[in-house]
PDB file of N, CA and C in Angstrom:
ATOM      1  N   ASN A   1       0.187  17.562  -5.030  1.00  0.00           N
ATOM      2  CA  ASN A   1      -0.118  16.296  -5.632  1.00  0.00           C
ATOM      3  C   ASN A   1      -1.483  16.400  -6.362  1.00  0.00           C
ATOM      4  N   ARG A   2      -1.479  16.419  -7.647  1.00  0.00           N
ATOM      5  CA  ARG A   2      -2.706  16.633  -8.418  1.00  0.00           C
ATOM      6  C   ARG A   2      -3.080  15.351  -9.211  1.00  0.00           C
ATOM      7  N   PHE A   3      -2.406  14.264  -9.049  1.00  0.00           N
ATOM      8  CA  PHE A   3      -2.723  13.097  -9.839  1.00  0.00           C
ATOM      9  C   PHE A   3      -4.147  12.636  -9.703  1.00  0.00           C
ATOM     10  N   LEU A   4      -4.569  12.340  -8.465  1.00  0.00           N
ATOM     11  CA  LEU A   4      -5.952  11.857  -8.276  1.00  0.00           C
ATOM     12  C   LEU A   4      -7.039  12.896  -8.600  1.00  0.00           C
ATOM     13  N   PRO A   5      -6.915  14.115  -8.140  1.00  0.00           N
ATOM     14  CA  PRO A   5      -7.930  15.099  -8.540  1.00  0.00           C
ATOM     15  C   PRO A   5      -7.989  15.299 -10.043  1.00  0.00           C
ATOM     16  N   ASP A   6      -6.860  15.354 -10.704  1.00  0.00           N
ATOM     17  CA  ASP A   6      -6.878  15.472 -12.145  1.00  0.00           C
ATOM     18  C   ASP A   6      -7.478  14.284 -12.844  1.00  0.00           C
ATOM     19  N   LEU A   7      -7.125  13.099 -12.365  1.00  0.00           N
ATOM     20  CA  LEU A   7      -7.645  11.833 -12.922  1.00  0.00           C
ATOM     21  C   LEU A   7      -9.191  11.743 -12.766  1.00  0.00           C
ATOM     22  N   LEU A   8      -9.665  12.061 -11.588  1.00  0.00           N
ATOM     23  CA  LEU A   8     -11.092  11.958 -11.342  1.00  0.00           C
ATOM     24  C   LEU A   8     -11.832  13.084 -12.017  1.00  0.00           C
ATOM     25  N   GLY A   9     -11.223  14.231 -12.227  1.00  0.00           N
ATOM     26  CA  GLY A   9     -11.865  15.375 -12.895  1.00  0.00           C
ATOM     27  C   GLY A   9     -11.778  15.324 -14.407  1.00  0.00           C
ATOM     28  N   SER A  10     -11.083  14.313 -14.944  1.00  0.00           N
ATOM     29  CA  SER A  10     -10.863  14.248 -16.396  1.00  0.00           C
ATOM     30  C   SER A  10     -12.065  13.769 -17.140  1.00  0.00           C
ATOM     31  N   GLY A  11     -13.011  13.138 -16.473  1.00  0.00           N
ATOM     32  CA  GLY A  11     -14.159  12.566 -17.146  1.00  0.00           C
ATOM     33  C   GLY A  11     -13.892  11.139 -17.643  1.00  0.00           C
ATOM     34  N   HIS A  12     -12.655  10.677 -17.539  1.00  0.00           N
ATOM     35  CA  HIS A  12     -12.352   9.316 -18.001  1.00  0.00           C
ATOM     36  C   HIS A  12     -12.822   8.235 -16.941  1.00  0.00           C
ATOM     37  N   ILE A  13     -12.929   8.657 -15.692  1.00  0.00           N
ATOM     38  CA  ILE A  13     -13.353   7.780 -14.641  1.00  0.00           C
ATOM     39  C   ILE A  13     -14.582   8.421 -13.980  1.00  0.00           C
ATOM     40  N   THR A  14     -15.612   7.655 -13.900  1.00  0.00           N
ATOM     41  CA  THR A  14     -16.822   8.167 -13.214  1.00  0.00           C
ATOM     42  C   THR A  14     -17.084   7.298 -11.989  1.00  0.00           C
ATOM     43  N   LYS A  15     -17.080   7.929 -10.843  1.00  0.00           N
ATOM     44  CA  LYS A  15     -17.318   7.229  -9.560  1.00  0.00           C
ATOM     45  C   LYS A  15     -18.328   8.030  -8.762  1.00  0.00           C
ATOM     46  N   ASP A  16     -19.248   7.397  -8.148  1.00  0.00           N
ATOM     47  CA  ASP A  16     -20.123   7.996  -7.210  1.00  0.00           C
ATOM     48  C   ASP A  16     -19.424   8.204  -5.896  1.00  0.00           C
ATOM     49  N   VAL A  17     -19.882   9.230  -5.153  1.00  0.00           N
ATOM     50  CA  VAL A  17     -19.304   9.437  -3.800  1.00  0.00           C
ATOM     51  C   VAL A  17     -19.458   8.184  -2.991  1.00  0.00           C
ATOM     52  N   GLY A  18     -18.376   7.749  -2.350  1.00  0.00           N
ATOM     53  CA  GLY A  18     -18.384   6.562  -1.517  1.00  0.00           C
ATOM     54  C   GLY A  18     -18.079   5.247  -2.275  1.00  0.00           C
ATOM     55  N   GLU A  19     -18.065   5.324  -3.589  1.00  0.00           N
ATOM     56  CA  GLU A  19     -17.770   4.137  -4.385  1.00  0.00           C
ATOM     57  C   GLU A  19     -16.278   3.897  -4.412  1.00  0.00           C
ATOM     58  N   PRO A  20     -15.796   2.672  -4.237  1.00  0.00           N
ATOM     59  CA  PRO A  20     -14.348   2.448  -4.187  1.00  0.00           C
ATOM     60  C   PRO A  20     -13.663   2.719  -5.543  1.00  0.00           C
ATOM     61  N   LEU A  21     -12.478   3.260  -5.449  1.00  0.00           N
ATOM     62  CA  LEU A  21     -11.575   3.408  -6.574  1.00  0.00           C
ATOM     63  C   LEU A  21     -10.347   2.598  -6.230  1.00  0.00           C
ATOM     64  N   VAL A  22     -10.091   1.566  -6.998  1.00  0.00           N
ATOM     65  CA  VAL A  22      -9.007   0.622  -6.750  1.00  0.00           C
ATOM     66  C   VAL A  22      -7.818   0.944  -7.618  1.00  0.00           C
ATOM     67  N   LEU A  23      -6.675   1.192  -6.982  1.00  0.00           N
ATOM     68  CA  LEU A  23      -5.435   1.453  -7.710  1.00  0.00           C
ATOM     69  C   LEU A  23      -4.374   0.412  -7.318  1.00  0.00           C
ATOM     70  N   ALA A  24      -3.683  -0.109  -8.252  1.00  0.00           N
ATOM     71  CA  ALA A  24      -2.600  -1.048  -7.972  1.00  0.00           C
ATOM     72  C   ALA A  24      -1.260  -0.283  -8.079  1.00  0.00           C
ATOM     73  N   VAL A  25      -0.425  -0.487  -7.091  1.00  0.00           N
ATOM     74  CA  VAL A  25       0.892   0.159  -7.085  1.00  0.00           C
ATOM     75  C   VAL A  25       1.933  -0.962  -7.003  1.00  0.00           C
ATOM     76  N   VAL A  26       2.864  -0.954  -7.867  1.00  0.00           N
ATOM     77  CA  VAL A  26       3.925  -2.006  -7.882  1.00  0.00           C
ATOM     78  C   VAL A  26       5.240  -1.350  -7.465  1.00  0.00           C
ATOM     79  N   THR A  27       5.916  -2.006  -6.520  1.00  0.00           N
ATOM     80  CA  THR A  27       7.188  -1.518  -6.008  1.00  0.00           C
ATOM     81  C   THR A  27       8.098  -2.685  -5.629  1.00  0.00           C
ATOM     82  N   HIS A  28       9.305  -2.387  -5.299  1.00  0.00           N
ATOM     83  CA  HIS A  28      10.272  -3.345  -4.857  1.00  0.00           C
ATOM     84  C   HIS A  28      10.017  -3.650  -3.358  1.00  0.00           C
ATOM     85  N   SER A  29      10.291  -4.856  -2.940  1.00  0.00           N
ATOM     86  CA  SER A  29      10.060  -5.258  -1.528  1.00  0.00           C
ATOM     87  C   SER A  29      10.873  -4.369  -0.570  1.00  0.00           C
ATOM     88  N   ASN A  30      12.046  -3.846  -1.014  1.00  0.00           N
ATOM     89  CA  ASN A  30      12.833  -3.010  -0.142  1.00  0.00           C
ATOM     90  C   ASN A  30      12.092  -1.720   0.210  1.00  0.00           C
ATOM     91  N   PHE A  31      11.334  -1.151  -0.742  1.00  0.00           N
ATOM     92  CA  PHE A  31      10.596   0.064  -0.506  1.00  0.00           C
ATOM     93  C   PHE A  31       9.371  -0.195   0.385  1.00  0.00           C
ATOM     94  N   MET A  32       8.953  -1.435   0.445  1.00  0.00           N
ATOM     95  CA  MET A  32       7.798  -1.778   1.342  1.00  0.00           C
ATOM     96  C   MET A  32       8.221  -1.770   2.784  1.00  0.00           C
ATOM     97  N   MET A  33       9.464  -1.589   3.080  1.00  0.00           N
ATOM     98  CA  MET A  33       9.987  -1.524   4.437  1.00  0.00           C
ATOM     99  C   MET A  33      10.014  -0.120   4.991  1.00  0.00           C
ATOM    100  N   GLU A  34       9.803   0.865   4.100  1.00  0.00           N
ATOM    101  CA  GLU A  34       9.933   2.285   4.482  1.00  0.00           C
ATOM    102  C   GLU A  34       8.616   3.001   4.549  1.00  0.00           C
ATOM    103  N   GLY A  35       8.617   4.141   5.221  1.00  0.00           N
ATOM    104  CA  GLY A  35       7.492   5.059   5.176  1.00  0.00           C
ATOM    105  C   GLY A  35       6.196   4.462   5.701  1.00  0.00           C
ATOM    106  N   GLU A  36       5.082   4.962   5.133  1.00  0.00           N
ATOM    107  CA  GLU A  36       3.769   4.587   5.604  1.00  0.00           C
ATOM    108  C   GLU A  36       3.490   3.102   5.336  1.00  0.00           C
ATOM    109  N   VAL A  37       3.962   2.565   4.244  1.00  0.00           N
ATOM    110  CA  VAL A  37       3.734   1.135   3.955  1.00  0.00           C
ATOM    111  C   VAL A  37       4.504   0.301   4.987  1.00  0.00           C
ATOM    112  N   GLY A  38       5.723   0.656   5.268  1.00  0.00           N
ATOM    113  CA  GLY A  38       6.502  -0.130   6.270  1.00  0.00           C
ATOM    114  C   GLY A  38       5.871  -0.077   7.640  1.00  0.00           C
ATOM    115  N   ARG A  39       5.426   1.132   8.070  1.00  0.00           N
ATOM    116  CA  ARG A  39       4.819   1.266   9.371  1.00  0.00           C
ATOM    117  C   ARG A  39       3.503   0.483   9.477  1.00  0.00           C
ATOM    118  N   ALA A  40       2.685   0.500   8.415  1.00  0.00           N
ATOM    119  CA  ALA A  40       1.397  -0.176   8.483  1.00  0.00           C
ATOM    120  C   ALA A  40       1.485  -1.651   8.220  1.00  0.00           C
ATOM    121  N   CYS A  41       2.474  -2.100   7.469  1.00  0.00           N
ATOM    122  CA  CYS A  41       2.441  -3.518   6.981  1.00  0.00           C
ATOM    123  C   CYS A  41       3.503  -4.379   7.598  1.00  0.00           C
ATOM    124  N   GLN A  42       4.424  -3.879   8.352  1.00  0.00           N
ATOM    125  CA  GLN A  42       5.544  -4.668   8.842  1.00  0.00           C
ATOM    126  C   GLN A  42       5.115  -5.935   9.560  1.00  0.00           C
ATOM    127  N   THR A  43       3.966  -5.925  10.240  1.00  0.00           N
ATOM    128  CA  THR A  43       3.537  -7.129  10.934  1.00  0.00           C
ATOM    129  C   THR A  43       3.059  -8.216   9.959  1.00  0.00           C
ATOM    130  N   GLN A  44       2.860  -7.849   8.690  1.00  0.00           N
ATOM    131  CA  GLN A  44       2.467  -8.829   7.663  1.00  0.00           C
ATOM    132  C   GLN A  44       3.678  -9.539   7.043  1.00  0.00           C
ATOM    133  N   TYR A  45       4.884  -9.066   7.296  1.00  0.00           N
ATOM    134  CA  TYR A  45       6.037  -9.637   6.709  1.00  0.00           C
ATOM    135  C   TYR A  45       6.634 -10.730   7.566  1.00  0.00           C
ATOM    136  N   PRO A  46       7.087 -11.823   6.935  1.00  0.00           N
ATOM    137  CA  PRO A  46       7.688 -12.911   7.731  1.00  0.00           C
ATOM    138  C   PRO A  46       9.032 -12.503   8.311  1.00  0.00           C
ATOM    139  N   ALA A  47       9.421 -13.157   9.370  1.00  0.00           N
ATOM    140  CA  ALA A  47      10.728 -12.862   9.983  1.00  0.00           C
ATOM    141  C   ALA A  47      11.793 -13.709   9.359  1.00  0.00           C
ATOM    142  N   ASP A  48      12.979 -13.123   9.201  1.00  0.00           N
ATOM    143  CA  ASP A  48      14.140 -13.921   8.682  1.00  0.00           C
ATOM    144  C   ASP A  48      14.700 -14.722   9.882  1.00  0.00           C
ATOM    145  N   PRO A  49      15.705 -15.568   9.639  1.00  0.00           N
ATOM    146  CA  PRO A  49      16.235 -16.376  10.723  1.00  0.00           C
ATOM    147  C   PRO A  49      16.743 -15.607  11.948  1.00  0.00           C
ATOM    148  N   ALA A  50      17.101 -14.303  11.754  1.00  0.00           N
ATOM    149  CA  ALA A  50      17.570 -13.476  12.884  1.00  0.00           C
ATOM    150  C   ALA A  50      16.383 -12.793  13.570  1.00  0.00           C
ATOM    151  N   GLY A  51      15.142 -12.980  13.081  1.00  0.00           N
ATOM    152  CA  GLY A  51      13.950 -12.385  13.664  1.00  0.00           C
ATOM    153  C   GLY A  51      13.577 -11.027  13.076  1.00  0.00           C
ATOM    154  N   LYS A  52      14.351 -10.544  12.059  1.00  0.00           N
ATOM    155  CA  LYS A  52      14.024  -9.247  11.413  1.00  0.00           C
ATOM    156  C   LYS A  52      12.914  -9.534  10.360  1.00  0.00           C
ATOM    157  N   ARG A  53      11.894  -8.659  10.371  1.00  0.00           N
ATOM    158  CA  ARG A  53      10.825  -8.830   9.386  1.00  0.00           C
ATOM    159  C   ARG A  53      11.223  -8.159   8.104  1.00  0.00           C
ATOM    160  N   LYS A  54      10.882  -8.873   6.956  1.00  0.00           N
ATOM    161  CA  LYS A  54      11.236  -8.378   5.638  1.00  0.00           C
ATOM    162  C   LYS A  54      10.083  -8.731   4.664  1.00  0.00           C
ATOM    163  N   ALA A  55       9.676  -7.747   3.832  1.00  0.00           N
ATOM    164  CA  ALA A  55       8.689  -8.032   2.793  1.00  0.00           C
ATOM    165  C   ALA A  55       9.295  -9.069   1.831  1.00  0.00           C
ATOM    166  N   GLN A  56       8.463  -9.953   1.386  1.00  0.00           N
ATOM    167  CA  GLN A  56       8.902 -11.013   0.481  1.00  0.00           C
ATOM    168  C   GLN A  56       8.815 -10.534  -0.981  1.00  0.00           C
ATOM    169  N   ASN A  57       9.578 -11.167  -1.857  1.00  0.00           N
ATOM    170  CA  ASN A  57       9.420 -10.904  -3.301  1.00  0.00           C
ATOM    171  C   ASN A  57       8.037 -11.289  -3.720  1.00  0.00           C
ATOM    172  N   ASN A  58       7.431 -10.441  -4.494  1.00  0.00           N
ATOM    173  CA  ASN A  58       6.075 -10.653  -5.026  1.00  0.00           C
ATOM    174  C   ASN A  58       4.968 -10.663  -3.968  1.00  0.00           C
ATOM    175  N   GLN A  59       5.253 -10.201  -2.800  1.00  0.00           N
ATOM    176  CA  GLN A  59       4.228 -10.104  -1.758  1.00  0.00           C
ATOM    177  C   GLN A  59       3.220  -9.042  -2.111  1.00  0.00           C
ATOM    178  N   VAL A  60       1.929  -9.316  -1.867  1.00  0.00           N
ATOM    179  CA  VAL A  60       0.855  -8.357  -2.159  1.00  0.00           C
ATOM    180  C   VAL A  60       0.148  -8.023  -0.853  1.00  0.00           C
ATOM    181  N   VAL A  61       0.053  -6.720  -0.603  1.00  0.00           N
ATOM    182  CA  VAL A  61      -0.709  -6.250   0.560  1.00  0.00           C
ATOM    183  C   VAL A  61      -1.823  -5.291   0.059  1.00  0.00           C
ATOM    184  N   MET A  62      -2.837  -5.138   0.901  1.00  0.00           N
ATOM    185  CA  MET A  62      -3.918  -4.203   0.566  1.00  0.00           C
ATOM    186  C   MET A  62      -4.000  -3.187   1.641  1.00  0.00           C
ATOM    187  N   MET A  63      -4.002  -1.883   1.244  1.00  0.00           N
ATOM    188  CA  MET A  63      -4.152  -0.776   2.167  1.00  0.00           C
ATOM    189  C   MET A  63      -5.337   0.049   1.705  1.00  0.00           C
ATOM    190  N   THR A  64      -6.111   0.525   2.680  1.00  0.00           N
ATOM    191  CA  THR A  64      -7.354   1.232   2.372  1.00  0.00           C
ATOM    192  C   THR A  64      -7.183   2.721   2.791  1.00  0.00           C
ATOM    193  N   TYR A  65      -7.527   3.620   1.910  1.00  0.00           N
ATOM    194  CA  TYR A  65      -7.447   5.041   2.171  1.00  0.00           C
ATOM    195  C   TYR A  65      -8.813   5.678   1.922  1.00  0.00           C
ATOM    196  N   ASP A  66      -9.100   6.770   2.598  1.00  0.00           N
ATOM    197  CA  ASP A  66     -10.237   7.651   2.258  1.00  0.00           C
ATOM    198  C   ASP A  66      -9.622   8.828   1.497  1.00  0.00           C
ATOM    199  N   LEU A  67     -10.279   9.191   0.409  1.00  0.00           N
ATOM    200  CA  LEU A  67      -9.846  10.304  -0.424  1.00  0.00           C
ATOM    201  C   LEU A  67     -10.844  11.421  -0.266  1.00  0.00           C
ATOM    202  N   SER A  68     -10.363  12.618   0.074  1.00  0.00           N
ATOM    203  CA  SER A  68     -11.211  13.798   0.157  1.00  0.00           C
ATOM    204  C   SER A  68     -10.757  14.772  -0.938  1.00  0.00           C
ATOM    205  N   LEU A  69     -11.653  15.166  -1.811  1.00  0.00           N
ATOM    206  CA  LEU A  69     -11.356  16.174  -2.824  1.00  0.00           C
ATOM    207  C   LEU A  69     -12.159  17.426  -2.484  1.00  0.00           C
ATOM    208  N   HIS A  70     -11.468  18.510  -2.385  1.00  0.00           N
ATOM    209  CA  HIS A  70     -12.109  19.786  -2.065  1.00  0.00           C
ATOM    210  C   HIS A  70     -11.986  20.647  -3.351  1.00  0.00           C
ATOM    211  N   PRO A  71     -13.082  21.174  -3.854  1.00  0.00           N
ATOM    212  CA  PRO A  71     -13.017  21.960  -5.098  1.00  0.00           C
ATOM    213  C   PRO A  71     -12.063  23.135  -5.040  1.00  0.00           C
ATOM    214  N   ASP A  72     -11.907  23.719  -3.855  1.00  0.00           N
ATOM    215  CA  ASP A  72     -11.073  24.912  -3.728  1.00  0.00           C
ATOM    216  C   ASP A  72      -9.577  24.527  -3.451  1.00  0.00           C
ATOM    217  N   ALA A  73      -9.369  23.289  -3.036  1.00  0.00           N
ATOM    218  CA  ALA A  73      -8.016  22.902  -2.582  1.00  0.00           C
ATOM    219  C   ALA A  73      -7.078  22.632  -3.744  1.00  0.00           C
ATOM    220  N   GLU A  74      -5.819  22.857  -3.488  1.00  0.00           N
ATOM    221  CA  GLU A  74      -4.762  22.553  -4.484  1.00  0.00           C
ATOM    222  C   GLU A  74      -4.520  21.056  -4.548  1.00  0.00           C
ATOM    223  N   ASN A  75      -4.652  20.375  -3.477  1.00  0.00           N
ATOM    224  CA  ASN A  75      -4.258  18.953  -3.418  1.00  0.00           C
ATOM    225  C   ASN A  75      -5.425  18.087  -2.890  1.00  0.00           C
ATOM    226  N   ALA A  76      -5.282  16.824  -3.167  1.00  0.00           N
ATOM    227  CA  ALA A  76      -6.209  15.805  -2.600  1.00  0.00           C
ATOM    228  C   ALA A  76      -5.692  15.454  -1.223  1.00  0.00           C
ATOM    229  N   GLU A  77      -6.580  15.013  -0.365  1.00  0.00           N
ATOM    230  CA  GLU A  77      -6.204  14.590   0.946  1.00  0.00           C
ATOM    231  C   GLU A  77      -6.465  13.116   1.098  1.00  0.00           C
ATOM    232  N   LEU A  78      -5.381  12.349   1.386  1.00  0.00           N
ATOM    233  CA  LEU A  78      -5.530  10.905   1.557  1.00  0.00           C
ATOM    234  C   LEU A  78      -5.385  10.588   3.038  1.00  0.00           C
ATOM    235  N   GLN A  79      -6.273   9.802   3.553  1.00  0.00           N
ATOM    236  CA  GLN A  79      -6.178   9.437   4.975  1.00  0.00           C
ATOM    237  C   GLN A  79      -6.232   7.913   5.056  1.00  0.00           C
ATOM    238  N   LEU A  80      -5.176   7.306   5.646  1.00  0.00           N
ATOM    239  CA  LEU A  80      -5.101   5.843   5.772  1.00  0.00           C
ATOM    240  C   LEU A  80      -6.193   5.408   6.750  1.00  0.00           C
ATOM    241  N   VAL A  81      -7.024   4.474   6.336  1.00  0.00           N
ATOM    242  CA  VAL A  81      -8.108   4.006   7.151  1.00  0.00           C
ATOM    243  C   VAL A  81      -7.626   2.926   8.143  1.00  0.00           C
ATOM    244  N   GLY A  82      -7.788   3.138   9.389  1.00  0.00           N
ATOM    245  CA  GLY A  82      -7.402   2.120  10.348  1.00  0.00           C
ATOM    246  C   GLY A  82      -6.003   2.192  10.861  1.00  0.00           C
ATOM    247  N   GLY A  83      -5.238   3.164  10.437  1.00  0.00           N
ATOM    248  CA  GLY A  83      -3.830   3.330  10.849  1.00  0.00           C
ATOM    249  C   GLY A  83      -3.000   2.124  10.592  1.00  0.00           C
ATOM    250  N   SER A  84      -2.294   1.678  11.624  1.00  0.00           N
ATOM    251  CA  SER A  84      -1.413   0.518  11.499  1.00  0.00           C
ATOM    252  C   SER A  84      -2.154  -0.777  11.311  1.00  0.00           C
ATOM    253  N   GLN A  85      -3.477  -0.770  11.565  1.00  0.00           N
ATOM    254  CA  GLN A  85      -4.277  -1.968  11.381  1.00  0.00           C
ATOM    255  C   GLN A  85      -4.838  -2.042   9.969  1.00  0.00           C
ATOM    256  N   SER A  86      -4.458  -1.136   9.069  1.00  0.00           N
ATOM    257  CA  SER A  86      -5.094  -1.024   7.796  1.00  0.00           C
ATOM    258  C   SER A  86      -4.476  -1.931   6.726  1.00  0.00           C
ATOM    259  N   CYS A  87      -3.347  -2.538   7.014  1.00  0.00           N
ATOM    260  CA  CYS A  87      -2.660  -3.351   6.014  1.00  0.00           C
ATOM    261  C   CYS A  87      -3.115  -4.820   6.142  1.00  0.00           C
ATOM    262  N   GLN A  88      -3.481  -5.418   5.029  1.00  0.00           N
ATOM    263  CA  GLN A  88      -3.888  -6.809   5.002  1.00  0.00           C
ATOM    264  C   GLN A  88      -2.981  -7.533   3.988  1.00  0.00           C
ATOM    265  N   ASN A  89      -2.521  -8.676   4.393  1.00  0.00           N
ATOM    266  CA  ASN A  89      -1.731  -9.519   3.475  1.00  0.00           C
ATOM    267  C   ASN A  89      -2.680 -10.225   2.493  1.00  0.00           C
ATOM    268  N   VAL A  90      -2.395 -10.093   1.201  1.00  0.00           N
ATOM    269  CA  VAL A  90      -3.235 -10.691   0.192  1.00  0.00           C
ATOM    270  C   VAL A  90      -2.563 -11.945  -0.392  1.00  0.00           C
ATOM    271  N   VAL A  91      -1.272 -11.836  -0.740  1.00  0.00           N
ATOM    272  CA  VAL A  91      -0.496 -12.949  -1.265  1.00  0.00           C
ATOM    273  C   VAL A  91       0.863 -12.967  -0.509  1.00  0.00           C
ATOM    274  N   ASN A  92       1.250 -14.101  -0.021  1.00  0.00           N
ATOM    275  CA  ASN A  92       2.499 -14.200   0.735  1.00  0.00           C
ATOM    276  C   ASN A  92       3.779 -13.887  -0.039  1.00  0.00           C
ATOM    277  N   GLY A  93       3.769 -14.143  -1.310  1.00  0.00           N
ATOM    278  CA  GLY A  93       5.010 -13.918  -2.042  1.00  0.00           C
ATOM    279  C   GLY A  93       5.965 -15.084  -1.932  1.00  0.00           C
ATOM    280  N   THR A  94       7.186 -14.883  -2.379  1.00  0.00           N
ATOM    281  CA  THR A  94       8.237 -15.882  -2.430  1.00  0.00           C
ATOM    282  C   THR A  94       9.202 -15.650  -1.302  1.00  0.00           C
ATOM    283  N   ASN A  95       9.432 -16.674  -0.499  1.00  0.00           N
ATOM    284  CA  ASN A  95      10.418 -16.593   0.603  1.00  0.00           C
ATOM    285  C   ASN A  95      11.792 -16.389   0.036  1.00  0.00           C
ATOM    286  N   ILE A  96      12.516 -15.420   0.520  1.00  0.00           N
ATOM    287  CA  ILE A  96      13.871 -15.167   0.041  1.00  0.00           C
ATOM    288  C   ILE A  96      14.904 -16.004   0.767  1.00  0.00           C
ATOM    289  N   PHE A  97      14.486 -16.812   1.733  1.00  0.00           N
ATOM    290  CA  PHE A  97      15.407 -17.649   2.479  1.00  0.00           C
ATOM    291  C   PHE A  97      15.125 -19.150   2.206  1.00  0.00           C
ATOM    292  N   GLU A  98      16.175 -19.890   2.228  1.00  0.00           N
ATOM    293  CA  GLU A  98      16.070 -21.347   2.070  1.00  0.00           C
ATOM    294  C   GLU A  98      17.091 -21.978   3.021  1.00  0.00           C
ATOM    295  N   GLY A  99      16.632 -22.763   3.964  1.00  0.00           N
ATOM    296  CA  GLY A  99      17.579 -23.357   4.931  1.00  0.00           C
ATOM    297  C   GLY A  99      18.249 -22.326   5.818  1.00  0.00           C
ATOM    298  N   GLY A 100      17.563 -21.210   6.071  1.00  0.00           N
ATOM    299  CA  GLY A 100      18.107 -20.178   6.951  1.00  0.00           C
ATOM    300  C   GLY A 100      19.056 -19.226   6.244  1.00  0.00           C
ATOM    301  N   LYS A 101      19.310 -19.415   4.937  1.00  0.00           N
ATOM    302  CA  LYS A 101      20.214 -18.500   4.188  1.00  0.00           C
ATOM    303  C   LYS A 101      19.477 -17.923   3.019  1.00  0.00           C
ATOM    304  N   PRO A 102      19.890 -16.719   2.584  1.00  0.00           N
ATOM    305  CA  PRO A 102      19.275 -16.144   1.388  1.00  0.00           C
ATOM    306  C   PRO A 102      19.514 -17.039   0.162  1.00  0.00           C
ATOM    307  N   ARG A 103      18.504 -17.088  -0.686  1.00  0.00           N
ATOM    308  CA  ARG A 103      18.667 -17.872  -1.934  1.00  0.00           C
ATOM    309  C   ARG A 103      19.652 -17.254  -2.838  1.00  0.00           C
TER     310      ARG A 103
END
């Protein structure tokens, strides 16, 4: 994965060590249920009438990572800060249920 090292090394972005780099990632709510996002953020999703948690349409969450770039390394290393406590709900999104049934 060379996207971040190449981006930061391109000279188009100048950041001091420790200065935040904010990236927005847009995806479908179904994909927010899987992988690292699902594990970290599932407690931020509302429960459906059966009690199953589901990310809402247009829901926004914030996850914080530490990025380590090593000049000799082939890849960047991303470490999720705070583990499963690292996900914060920013915008609730649109509830996909109305009256206990999907809209």
